[in-house]
Amino acid sequence: MVDEVKSVSILIIYCAVVMSANNVKPLIPFPALLIDDGYEKVLVVGDLHIGWEISLVDRGIYIPSQVSRLQLKLLQIIDHAKPSQIVFLGDVKQAIPRISLEEWRSVPEFFETVQDAVKKIFIILGNHDGDLEPLIPSAVKIIPSSGMVVGEEKHVGLFHGHAWPSPEVLSAGLLVMGHIHPVVWFRDKLGLWTVRQVWIKAKCDREKLSRTYLKHQNVKADKKSTETLRREVGIETGDVNLIVMPAFNELLGGMSINRLERGLMGPILHSRGVDMDNAEAYLLDGTYIGTVKQLRAQII
């Protein structure tokens, strides 16, 4: 039994190392990412959807507020990782486009508590974050949905995922997004479903990404779109990986990456510049469970 436990521990550590890149690592077993370049430690979380429970009341579903649980989990991570700043990847709140009464109370309370632990906080706007500014303490910096780059060498580009990132973000060596709340669905022979949150790590085709981005900007690309992007926008591009983060609020629904009934959401994933078939999926504990193509083949 001891040898079995040791083997499992080694497997989880190995998978976590494979998942890590460019001084970026998932904080197992949490849906949170730490970027540590030796100068600053940036904690990244996304998709809180504060007020989500209230949106279910009209359907006769009553779930207690999750704000305290989200706070406690985040403070636990902060105590462990000791970041110098936090970046929220968008969808801080739930209601679109209005602000619910629950959000008027809970969102300010949440960020005031977090600000006591970490002073430097950024929020990248998501598609659920309309009119967010009145709810946020003045010291918290709001970033447009086009995202931001972090790291001493500006090597990690962060954005929510529902809109195109900026050229500067696209030129980063690693892209990180949220938005789709990736999960995997399994069904056994008795018809019982299991749903688990996952991390997704995929390789991107920079040429396809550049061509689709230029089309979005109404710029005609030359034969080599990366050269057009360099000439027109002034950015250099190379090989890049994309990490799709699981939602920090684990009670949310998600997009099943192995049981798609509709297309993946967001322009990056629509661009065909992301190799989703060969993308790697990891559980929150760091365990590698296969590629998206392999997982789709397991649906019964």
C-alpha atoms as a PDB file:
ATOM      1  CA  MET A   1       0.000   0.000   0.000  1.00  0.00           C
ATOM      2  CA  VAL A   2       2.822   2.415   0.868  1.00  0.00           C
ATOM      3  CA  ASP A   3       4.461   1.751  -2.506  1.00  0.00           C
ATOM      4  CA  GLU A   4       1.130   2.408  -4.270  1.00  0.00           C
ATOM      5  CA  VAL A   5       0.683   5.740  -2.461  1.00  0.00           C
ATOM      6  CA  LYS A   6       4.279   6.662  -3.273  1.00  0.00           C
ATOM      7  CA  SER A   7       3.717   5.825  -6.952  1.00  0.00           C
ATOM      8  CA  VAL A   8       0.592   7.996  -7.087  1.00  0.00           C
ATOM      9  CA  SER A   9       2.462  10.883  -5.424  1.00  0.00           C
ATOM     10  CA  ILE A  10       5.314  10.609  -7.925  1.00  0.00           C
ATOM     11  CA  LEU A  11       2.818  10.556 -10.809  1.00  0.00           C
ATOM     12  CA  ILE A  12       1.073  13.699  -9.565  1.00  0.00           C
ATOM     13  CA  ILE A  13       4.376  15.523  -9.098  1.00  0.00           C
ATOM     14  CA  TYR A  14       5.530  14.440 -12.571  1.00  0.00           C
ATOM     15  CA  CYS A  15       2.288  15.638 -14.178  1.00  0.00           C
ATOM     16  CA  ALA A  16       2.525  18.954 -12.339  1.00  0.00           C
ATOM     17  CA  VAL A  17       6.058  19.461 -13.683  1.00  0.00           C
ATOM     18  CA  VAL A  18       4.899  18.718 -17.239  1.00  0.00           C
ATOM     19  CA  MET A  19       2.062  21.205 -16.795  1.00  0.00           C
ATOM     20  CA  SER A  20       4.451  23.933 -15.583  1.00  0.00           C
ATOM     21  CA  ALA A  21       6.308  26.180 -18.021  1.00  0.00           C
ATOM     22  CA  ASN A  22       8.135  29.505 -18.053  1.00  0.00           C
ATOM     23  CA  ASN A  23       8.142  29.757 -14.243  1.00  0.00           C
ATOM     24  CA  VAL A  24       4.372  29.241 -14.342  1.00  0.00           C
ATOM     25  CA  LYS A  25       2.813  26.455 -12.304  1.00  0.00           C
ATOM     26  CA  PRO A  26      -0.652  25.390 -11.131  1.00  0.00           C
ATOM     27  CA  LEU A  27      -1.107  25.522  -7.368  1.00  0.00           C
ATOM     28  CA  ILE A  28      -2.263  21.947  -6.846  1.00  0.00           C
ATOM     29  CA  PRO A  29      -4.995  21.145  -5.883  1.00  0.00           C
ATOM     30  CA  PHE A  30      -6.488  24.601  -6.453  1.00  0.00           C
ATOM     31  CA  PRO A  31      -7.736  26.169  -9.719  1.00  0.00           C
ATOM     32  CA  ALA A  32      -5.064  28.857  -9.397  1.00  0.00           C
ATOM     33  CA  LEU A  33      -1.832  29.654 -11.226  1.00  0.00           C
ATOM     34  CA  LEU A  34       1.389  31.158  -9.868  1.00  0.00           C
ATOM     35  CA  ILE A  35       3.811  33.108 -12.048  1.00  0.00           C
ATOM     36  CA  ASP A  36       7.165  33.524 -10.300  1.00  0.00           C
ATOM     37  CA  ASP A  37       9.978  35.093 -12.307  1.00  0.00           C
ATOM     38  CA  GLY A  38      12.189  35.795  -9.309  1.00  0.00           C
ATOM     39  CA  TYR A  39      11.089  39.428  -9.126  1.00  0.00           C
ATOM     40  CA  GLU A  40       7.373  39.194  -8.558  1.00  0.00           C
ATOM     41  CA  LYS A  41       4.973  36.403  -7.675  1.00  0.00           C
ATOM     42  CA  VAL A  42       1.692  36.819  -9.533  1.00  0.00           C
ATOM     43  CA  LEU A  43      -1.311  34.751  -8.474  1.00  0.00           C
ATOM     44  CA  VAL A  44      -3.893  34.215 -11.240  1.00  0.00           C
ATOM     45  CA  VAL A  45      -7.484  33.058 -10.687  1.00  0.00           C
ATOM     46  CA  GLY A  46     -10.561  33.420 -12.840  1.00  0.00           C
ATOM     47  CA  ASP A  47     -14.313  33.045 -13.100  1.00  0.00           C
ATOM     48  CA  LEU A  48     -15.613  33.724  -9.598  1.00  0.00           C
ATOM     49  CA  HIS A  49     -19.115  34.607 -10.856  1.00  0.00           C
ATOM     50  CA  ILE A  50     -20.090  36.167  -7.525  1.00  0.00           C
ATOM     51  CA  GLY A  51     -23.896  36.236  -7.317  1.00  0.00           C
ATOM     52  CA  TRP A  52     -24.302  33.112  -9.452  1.00  0.00           C
ATOM     53  CA  GLU A  53     -26.472  31.481  -6.798  1.00  0.00           C
ATOM     54  CA  ILE A  54     -29.037  34.295  -6.987  1.00  0.00           C
ATOM     55  CA  SER A  55     -29.485  33.739 -10.701  1.00  0.00           C
ATOM     56  CA  LEU A  56     -30.887  30.275  -9.895  1.00  0.00           C
ATOM     57  CA  VAL A  57     -33.606  31.425  -7.514  1.00  0.00           C
ATOM     58  CA  ASP A  58     -36.043  32.206 -10.334  1.00  0.00           C
ATOM     59  CA  ARG A  59     -35.768  28.544 -11.341  1.00  0.00           C
ATOM     60  CA  GLY A  60     -36.612  27.355  -7.853  1.00  0.00           C
ATOM     61  CA  ILE A  61     -33.022  26.347  -7.006  1.00  0.00           C
ATOM     62  CA  TYR A  62     -31.696  27.634  -3.681  1.00  0.00           C
ATOM     63  CA  ILE A  63     -27.960  27.519  -2.977  1.00  0.00           C
ATOM     64  CA  PRO A  64     -26.374  29.446  -0.078  1.00  0.00           C
ATOM     65  CA  SER A  65     -24.000  32.292  -0.963  1.00  0.00           C
ATOM     66  CA  GLN A  66     -20.555  30.986  -1.871  1.00  0.00           C
ATOM     67  CA  VAL A  67     -18.692  34.245  -1.196  1.00  0.00           C
ATOM     68  CA  SER A  68     -17.337  33.166   2.194  1.00  0.00           C
ATOM     69  CA  ARG A  69     -16.100  29.866   0.759  1.00  0.00           C
ATOM     70  CA  LEU A  70     -14.404  31.642  -2.156  1.00  0.00           C
ATOM     71  CA  GLN A  71     -12.787  34.106   0.249  1.00  0.00           C
ATOM     72  CA  LEU A  72     -11.540  31.359   2.536  1.00  0.00           C
ATOM     73  CA  LYS A  73     -10.110  29.336  -0.337  1.00  0.00           C
ATOM     74  CA  LEU A  74      -8.352  32.350  -1.841  1.00  0.00           C
ATOM     75  CA  LEU A  75      -6.898  33.445   1.509  1.00  0.00           C
ATOM     76  CA  GLN A  76      -5.618  29.904   2.030  1.00  0.00           C
ATOM     77  CA  ILE A  77      -3.854  30.063  -1.338  1.00  0.00           C
ATOM     78  CA  ILE A  78      -2.444  33.522  -0.578  1.00  0.00           C
ATOM     79  CA  ASP A  79      -1.086  32.304   2.759  1.00  0.00           C
ATOM     80  CA  HIS A  80       0.622  29.393   0.987  1.00  0.00           C
ATOM     81  CA  ALA A  81       1.934  31.150  -2.150  1.00  0.00           C
ATOM     82  CA  LYS A  82       2.561  34.641  -0.696  1.00  0.00           C
ATOM     83  CA  PRO A  83       2.044  36.498  -3.998  1.00  0.00           C
ATOM     84  CA  SER A  84       2.994  40.139  -4.470  1.00  0.00           C
ATOM     85  CA  GLN A  85      -0.037  40.686  -6.712  1.00  0.00           C
ATOM     86  CA  ILE A  86      -3.227  38.985  -7.874  1.00  0.00           C
ATOM     87  CA  VAL A  87      -4.759  39.021 -11.343  1.00  0.00           C
ATOM     88  CA  PHE A  88      -8.418  38.024 -11.710  1.00  0.00           C
ATOM     89  CA  LEU A  89      -9.021  36.696 -15.221  1.00  0.00           C
ATOM     90  CA  GLY A  90     -12.536  38.081 -15.527  1.00  0.00           C
ATOM     91  CA  ASP A  91     -16.143  37.224 -14.756  1.00  0.00           C
ATOM     92  CA  VAL A  92     -15.858  38.445 -11.199  1.00  0.00           C
ATOM     93  CA  LYS A  93     -19.632  38.833 -11.037  1.00  0.00           C
ATOM     94  CA  GLN A  94     -22.549  36.991 -12.587  1.00  0.00           C
ATOM     95  CA  ALA A  95     -25.378  39.313 -13.660  1.00  0.00           C
ATOM     96  CA  ILE A  96     -25.462  40.597 -17.252  1.00  0.00           C
ATOM     97  CA  PRO A  97     -25.743  43.524 -17.856  1.00  0.00           C
ATOM     98  CA  ARG A  98     -27.131  44.791 -14.561  1.00  0.00           C
ATOM     99  CA  ILE A  99     -25.782  44.562 -11.031  1.00  0.00           C
ATOM    100  CA  SER A 100     -27.818  42.418  -8.648  1.00  0.00           C
ATOM    101  CA  LEU A 101     -28.468  43.370  -5.023  1.00  0.00           C
ATOM    102  CA  GLU A 102     -26.332  40.413  -3.955  1.00  0.00           C
ATOM    103  CA  GLU A 103     -23.424  41.723  -6.051  1.00  0.00           C
ATOM    104  CA  TRP A 104     -23.730  45.232  -4.554  1.00  0.00           C
ATOM    105  CA  ARG A 105     -23.092  43.658  -1.173  1.00  0.00           C
ATOM    106  CA  SER A 106     -20.795  40.727  -1.877  1.00  0.00           C
ATOM    107  CA  VAL A 107     -18.355  42.001  -4.508  1.00  0.00           C
ATOM    108  CA  PRO A 108     -17.057  44.979  -2.444  1.00  0.00           C
ATOM    109  CA  GLU A 109     -16.894  42.778   0.661  1.00  0.00           C
ATOM    110  CA  PHE A 110     -14.895  40.133  -1.198  1.00  0.00           C
ATOM    111  CA  PHE A 111     -12.288  42.538  -2.569  1.00  0.00           C
ATOM    112  CA  GLU A 112     -11.915  44.512   0.649  1.00  0.00           C
ATOM    113  CA  THR A 113     -11.061  41.246   2.404  1.00  0.00           C
ATOM    114  CA  VAL A 114      -8.600  40.172  -0.292  1.00  0.00           C
ATOM    115  CA  GLN A 115      -6.995  43.612  -0.330  1.00  0.00           C
ATOM    116  CA  ASP A 116      -6.105  43.229   3.336  1.00  0.00           C
ATOM    117  CA  ALA A 117      -3.916  40.277   2.293  1.00  0.00           C
ATOM    118  CA  VAL A 118      -2.523  41.502  -1.059  1.00  0.00           C
ATOM    119  CA  LYS A 119      -2.391  45.189  -1.932  1.00  0.00           C
ATOM    120  CA  LYS A 120      -1.741  44.940  -5.665  1.00  0.00           C
ATOM    121  CA  ILE A 121      -4.850  43.612  -7.432  1.00  0.00           C
ATOM    122  CA  PHE A 122      -5.814  43.633 -11.115  1.00  0.00           C
ATOM    123  CA  ILE A 123      -9.091  42.592 -12.737  1.00  0.00           C
ATOM    124  CA  ILE A 124      -9.215  41.790 -16.449  1.00  0.00           C
ATOM    125  CA  LEU A 125     -12.778  42.413 -17.592  1.00  0.00           C
ATOM    126  CA  GLY A 126     -14.834  39.389 -18.633  1.00  0.00           C
ATOM    127  CA  ASN A 127     -18.132  39.212 -20.476  1.00  0.00           C
ATOM    128  CA  HIS A 128     -20.040  39.195 -17.146  1.00  0.00           C
ATOM    129  CA  ASP A 129     -18.273  42.288 -15.775  1.00  0.00           C
ATOM    130  CA  GLY A 130     -20.373  45.131 -17.162  1.00  0.00           C
ATOM    131  CA  ASP A 131     -20.612  48.082 -14.735  1.00  0.00           C
ATOM    132  CA  LEU A 132     -18.124  46.414 -12.414  1.00  0.00           C
ATOM    133  CA  GLU A 133     -16.208  49.579 -11.485  1.00  0.00           C
ATOM    134  CA  PRO A 134     -18.658  50.941  -8.840  1.00  0.00           C
ATOM    135  CA  LEU A 135     -18.288  47.676  -6.911  1.00  0.00           C
ATOM    136  CA  ILE A 136     -14.489  47.640  -6.765  1.00  0.00           C
ATOM    137  CA  PRO A 137     -12.242  49.449  -4.230  1.00  0.00           C
ATOM    138  CA  SER A 138     -10.443  52.360  -5.870  1.00  0.00           C
ATOM    139  CA  ALA A 139      -7.007  50.788  -5.412  1.00  0.00           C
ATOM    140  CA  VAL A 140      -7.950  47.777  -7.544  1.00  0.00           C
ATOM    141  CA  LYS A 141      -6.906  48.333 -11.164  1.00  0.00           C
ATOM    142  CA  ILE A 142      -9.336  47.335 -13.912  1.00  0.00           C
ATOM    143  CA  ILE A 143      -7.782  46.073 -17.161  1.00  0.00           C
ATOM    144  CA  PRO A 144      -9.661  45.946 -20.507  1.00  0.00           C
ATOM    145  CA  SER A 145     -10.724  42.562 -21.878  1.00  0.00           C
ATOM    146  CA  SER A 146      -7.753  42.729 -24.273  1.00  0.00           C
ATOM    147  CA  GLY A 147      -5.650  41.648 -21.297  1.00  0.00           C
ATOM    148  CA  MET A 148      -2.188  42.307 -19.930  1.00  0.00           C
ATOM    149  CA  VAL A 149       1.299  40.808 -19.897  1.00  0.00           C
ATOM    150  CA  VAL A 150       3.189  39.962 -16.723  1.00  0.00           C
ATOM    151  CA  GLY A 151       6.661  38.787 -15.799  1.00  0.00           C
ATOM    152  CA  GLU A 152      10.012  40.547 -15.863  1.00  0.00           C
ATOM    153  CA  GLU A 153      10.425  39.708 -19.532  1.00  0.00           C
ATOM    154  CA  LYS A 154       6.699  40.122 -20.308  1.00  0.00           C
ATOM    155  CA  HIS A 155       6.494  36.436 -21.215  1.00  0.00           C
ATOM    156  CA  VAL A 156       2.956  35.583 -20.010  1.00  0.00           C
ATOM    157  CA  GLY A 157      -0.165  37.053 -21.620  1.00  0.00           C
ATOM    158  CA  LEU A 158      -3.342  37.039 -19.537  1.00  0.00           C
ATOM    159  CA  PHE A 159      -6.867  37.610 -20.906  1.00  0.00           C
ATOM    160  CA  HIS A 160     -10.399  36.403 -20.188  1.00  0.00           C
ATOM    161  CA  GLY A 161     -11.086  34.754 -23.534  1.00  0.00           C
ATOM    162  CA  HIS A 162     -14.402  36.149 -24.803  1.00  0.00           C
ATOM    163  CA  ALA A 163     -12.634  38.828 -26.880  1.00  0.00           C
ATOM    164  CA  TRP A 164      -9.398  39.077 -28.814  1.00  0.00           C
ATOM    165  CA  PRO A 165      -6.349  39.822 -26.689  1.00  0.00           C
ATOM    166  CA  SER A 166      -4.171  42.782 -27.606  1.00  0.00           C
ATOM    167  CA  PRO A 167      -1.203  42.364 -29.988  1.00  0.00           C
ATOM    168  CA  GLU A 168       1.111  42.704 -26.998  1.00  0.00           C
ATOM    169  CA  VAL A 169      -0.633  39.805 -25.253  1.00  0.00           C
ATOM    170  CA  LEU A 170      -0.594  37.714 -28.431  1.00  0.00           C
ATOM    171  CA  SER A 171       3.172  38.198 -28.675  1.00  0.00           C
ATOM    172  CA  ALA A 172       3.778  36.668 -25.222  1.00  0.00           C
ATOM    173  CA  GLY A 173       5.486  33.291 -24.952  1.00  0.00           C
ATOM    174  CA  LEU A 174       2.595  31.774 -22.981  1.00  0.00           C
ATOM    175  CA  LEU A 175      -1.115  32.642 -23.140  1.00  0.00           C
ATOM    176  CA  VAL A 176      -3.481  32.080 -20.205  1.00  0.00           C
ATOM    177  CA  MET A 177      -7.278  32.414 -20.419  1.00  0.00           C
ATOM    178  CA  GLY A 178     -10.429  31.372 -18.566  1.00  0.00           C
ATOM    179  CA  HIS A 179     -13.991  31.912 -19.813  1.00  0.00           C
ATOM    180  CA  ILE A 180     -15.052  28.363 -20.800  1.00  0.00           C
ATOM    181  CA  HIS A 181     -14.733  26.660 -17.347  1.00  0.00           C
ATOM    182  CA  PRO A 182     -13.298  23.451 -18.879  1.00  0.00           C
ATOM    183  CA  VAL A 183     -14.546  20.134 -17.516  1.00  0.00           C
ATOM    184  CA  VAL A 184     -14.529  16.511 -18.659  1.00  0.00           C
ATOM    185  CA  TRP A 185     -17.574  14.235 -18.603  1.00  0.00           C
ATOM    186  CA  PHE A 186     -17.371  10.473 -18.244  1.00  0.00           C
ATOM    187  CA  ARG A 187     -20.256   8.008 -18.322  1.00  0.00           C
ATOM    188  CA  ASP A 188     -19.971   4.386 -17.226  1.00  0.00           C
ATOM    189  CA  LYS A 189     -21.877   1.428 -18.654  1.00  0.00           C
ATOM    190  CA  LEU A 190     -24.647   1.917 -16.086  1.00  0.00           C
ATOM    191  CA  GLY A 191     -25.248   5.422 -17.367  1.00  0.00           C
ATOM    192  CA  LEU A 192     -23.749   7.254 -14.366  1.00  0.00           C
ATOM    193  CA  TRP A 193     -22.007  10.529 -15.185  1.00  0.00           C
ATOM    194  CA  THR A 194     -18.846  11.884 -13.563  1.00  0.00           C
ATOM    195  CA  VAL A 195     -17.878  15.529 -14.139  1.00  0.00           C
ATOM    196  CA  ARG A 196     -14.458  16.917 -13.207  1.00  0.00           C
ATOM    197  CA  GLN A 197     -12.799  20.307 -13.639  1.00  0.00           C
ATOM    198  CA  VAL A 198      -9.644  20.254 -15.734  1.00  0.00           C
ATOM    199  CA  TRP A 199      -6.724  22.368 -16.843  1.00  0.00           C
ATOM    200  CA  ILE A 200      -6.097  22.459 -20.577  1.00  0.00           C
ATOM    201  CA  LYS A 201      -2.639  22.941 -22.080  1.00  0.00           C
ATOM    202  CA  ALA A 202      -2.514  23.319 -25.877  1.00  0.00           C
ATOM    203  CA  LYS A 203      -0.042  24.284 -28.557  1.00  0.00           C
ATOM    204  CA  CYS A 204      -0.925  27.193 -30.822  1.00  0.00           C
ATOM    205  CA  ASP A 205      -0.184  27.737 -34.488  1.00  0.00           C
ATOM    206  CA  ARG A 206       1.037  31.333 -34.458  1.00  0.00           C
ATOM    207  CA  GLU A 207       0.568  31.690 -38.213  1.00  0.00           C
ATOM    208  CA  LYS A 208      -3.136  30.747 -38.014  1.00  0.00           C
ATOM    209  CA  LEU A 209      -3.664  32.942 -34.964  1.00  0.00           C
ATOM    210  CA  SER A 210      -1.991  35.887 -36.683  1.00  0.00           C
ATOM    211  CA  ARG A 211      -4.003  35.433 -39.878  1.00  0.00           C
ATOM    212  CA  THR A 212      -7.337  35.291 -38.032  1.00  0.00           C
ATOM    213  CA  TYR A 213      -6.392  38.279 -35.857  1.00  0.00           C
ATOM    214  CA  LEU A 214      -5.436  40.362 -38.900  1.00  0.00           C
ATOM    215  CA  LYS A 215      -8.734  39.443 -40.551  1.00  0.00           C
ATOM    216  CA  HIS A 216     -10.523  40.611 -37.397  1.00  0.00           C
ATOM    217  CA  GLN A 217      -8.638  43.918 -37.718  1.00  0.00           C
ATOM    218  CA  ASN A 218      -9.519  44.159 -41.441  1.00  0.00           C
ATOM    219  CA  VAL A 219      -5.843  43.960 -42.386  1.00  0.00           C
ATOM    220  CA  LYS A 220      -4.956  41.944 -45.465  1.00  0.00           C
ATOM    221  CA  ALA A 221      -2.243  39.428 -44.635  1.00  0.00           C
ATOM    222  CA  ASP A 222       0.715  38.624 -46.875  1.00  0.00           C
ATOM    223  CA  LYS A 223       1.616  35.025 -47.622  1.00  0.00           C
ATOM    224  CA  LYS A 224       3.166  34.878 -44.153  1.00  0.00           C
ATOM    225  CA  SER A 225       0.728  36.499 -41.707  1.00  0.00           C
ATOM    226  CA  THR A 226       3.261  36.694 -38.874  1.00  0.00           C
ATOM    227  CA  GLU A 227       5.379  38.990 -41.062  1.00  0.00           C
ATOM    228  CA  THR A 228       2.331  41.163 -41.763  1.00  0.00           C
ATOM    229  CA  LEU A 229       1.624  41.339 -38.048  1.00  0.00           C
ATOM    230  CA  ARG A 230       5.218  42.391 -37.374  1.00  0.00           C
ATOM    231  CA  ARG A 231       5.108  45.063 -40.063  1.00  0.00           C
ATOM    232  CA  GLU A 232       1.624  46.437 -39.345  1.00  0.00           C
ATOM    233  CA  VAL A 233       1.513  46.143 -35.560  1.00  0.00           C
ATOM    234  CA  GLY A 234       5.199  45.993 -34.675  1.00  0.00           C
ATOM    235  CA  ILE A 235       5.224  42.753 -32.696  1.00  0.00           C
ATOM    236  CA  GLU A 236       7.319  39.623 -33.098  1.00  0.00           C
ATOM    237  CA  THR A 237       5.634  36.260 -32.729  1.00  0.00           C
ATOM    238  CA  GLY A 238       6.894  32.720 -32.253  1.00  0.00           C
ATOM    239  CA  ASP A 239       5.734  29.374 -30.927  1.00  0.00           C
ATOM    240  CA  VAL A 240       3.306  29.654 -28.028  1.00  0.00           C
ATOM    241  CA  ASN A 241       1.328  27.486 -25.621  1.00  0.00           C
ATOM    242  CA  LEU A 242      -2.145  28.235 -24.304  1.00  0.00           C
ATOM    243  CA  ILE A 243      -3.375  27.330 -20.822  1.00  0.00           C
ATOM    244  CA  VAL A 244      -7.122  27.358 -20.184  1.00  0.00           C
ATOM    245  CA  MET A 245      -7.820  27.656 -16.467  1.00  0.00           C
ATOM    246  CA  PRO A 246     -10.638  25.928 -14.589  1.00  0.00           C
ATOM    247  CA  ALA A 247     -13.133  28.218 -12.862  1.00  0.00           C
ATOM    248  CA  PHE A 248     -12.229  29.260  -9.316  1.00  0.00           C
ATOM    249  CA  ASN A 249     -15.871  28.811  -8.336  1.00  0.00           C
ATOM    250  CA  GLU A 250     -16.084  25.023  -8.611  1.00  0.00           C
ATOM    251  CA  LEU A 251     -19.902  24.940  -8.393  1.00  0.00           C
ATOM    252  CA  LEU A 252     -20.280  26.566 -11.788  1.00  0.00           C
ATOM    253  CA  GLY A 253     -21.168  24.634 -14.848  1.00  0.00           C
ATOM    254  CA  GLY A 254     -18.548  24.270 -17.532  1.00  0.00           C
ATOM    255  CA  MET A 255     -17.879  23.399 -21.129  1.00  0.00           C
ATOM    256  CA  SER A 256     -17.161  19.703 -21.528  1.00  0.00           C
ATOM    257  CA  ILE A 257     -14.089  19.536 -23.735  1.00  0.00           C
ATOM    258  CA  ASN A 258     -14.764  15.872 -24.553  1.00  0.00           C
ATOM    259  CA  ARG A 259     -18.505  16.130 -25.172  1.00  0.00           C
ATOM    260  CA  LEU A 260     -18.896  19.240 -27.273  1.00  0.00           C
ATOM    261  CA  GLU A 261     -22.414  19.866 -28.490  1.00  0.00           C
ATOM    262  CA  ARG A 262     -21.482  23.269 -29.858  1.00  0.00           C
ATOM    263  CA  GLY A 263     -18.318  25.090 -30.819  1.00  0.00           C
ATOM    264  CA  LEU A 264     -15.730  26.281 -28.339  1.00  0.00           C
ATOM    265  CA  MET A 265     -16.383  29.838 -27.203  1.00  0.00           C
ATOM    266  CA  GLY A 266     -14.128  32.821 -27.855  1.00  0.00           C
ATOM    267  CA  PRO A 267     -12.138  34.067 -30.862  1.00  0.00           C
ATOM    268  CA  ILE A 268      -8.857  32.362 -29.911  1.00  0.00           C
ATOM    269  CA  LEU A 269     -10.510  28.937 -29.809  1.00  0.00           C
ATOM    270  CA  HIS A 270     -12.597  29.716 -32.902  1.00  0.00           C
ATOM    271  CA  SER A 271      -9.493  30.690 -34.877  1.00  0.00           C
ATOM    272  CA  ARG A 272      -8.374  27.084 -35.432  1.00  0.00           C
ATOM    273  CA  GLY A 273      -4.989  28.298 -34.301  1.00  0.00           C
ATOM    274  CA  VAL A 274      -5.218  26.150 -31.163  1.00  0.00           C
ATOM    275  CA  ASP A 275      -4.556  22.415 -31.499  1.00  0.00           C
ATOM    276  CA  MET A 276      -7.409  21.248 -29.269  1.00  0.00           C
ATOM    277  CA  ASP A 277      -7.345  17.647 -30.482  1.00  0.00           C
ATOM    278  CA  ASN A 278      -3.871  17.163 -29.026  1.00  0.00           C
ATOM    279  CA  ALA A 279      -4.385  19.474 -26.055  1.00  0.00           C
ATOM    280  CA  GLU A 280      -3.485  17.902 -22.712  1.00  0.00           C
ATOM    281  CA  ALA A 281      -6.036  17.688 -19.885  1.00  0.00           C
ATOM    282  CA  TYR A 282      -5.088  17.627 -16.190  1.00  0.00           C
ATOM    283  CA  LEU A 283      -7.269  17.190 -13.123  1.00  0.00           C
ATOM    284  CA  LEU A 284      -7.002  19.706 -10.287  1.00  0.00           C
ATOM    285  CA  ASP A 285      -4.666  17.354  -8.423  1.00  0.00           C
ATOM    286  CA  GLY A 286      -2.239  17.520 -11.342  1.00  0.00           C
ATOM    287  CA  THR A 287      -3.000  14.100 -12.803  1.00  0.00           C
ATOM    288  CA  TYR A 288      -2.661  13.895 -16.575  1.00  0.00           C
ATOM    289  CA  ILE A 289      -5.732  12.141 -18.001  1.00  0.00           C
ATOM    290  CA  GLY A 290      -5.031  12.261 -21.728  1.00  0.00           C
ATOM    291  CA  THR A 291      -5.481  14.445 -24.763  1.00  0.00           C
ATOM    292  CA  VAL A 292      -8.826  15.945 -25.695  1.00  0.00           C
ATOM    293  CA  LYS A 293      -9.008  13.596 -28.697  1.00  0.00           C
ATOM    294  CA  GLN A 294      -8.421  10.570 -26.458  1.00  0.00           C
ATOM    295  CA  LEU A 295     -11.016  11.734 -23.948  1.00  0.00           C
ATOM    296  CA  ARG A 296     -13.645  12.259 -26.638  1.00  0.00           C
ATOM    297  CA  ALA A 297     -13.133   8.661 -27.717  1.00  0.00           C
ATOM    298  CA  GLN A 298     -14.033   7.461 -24.207  1.00  0.00           C
ATOM    299  CA  ILE A 299     -17.578   8.869 -24.206  1.00  0.00           C
ATOM    300  CA  ILE A 300     -19.946   5.897 -24.129  1.00  0.00           C
END
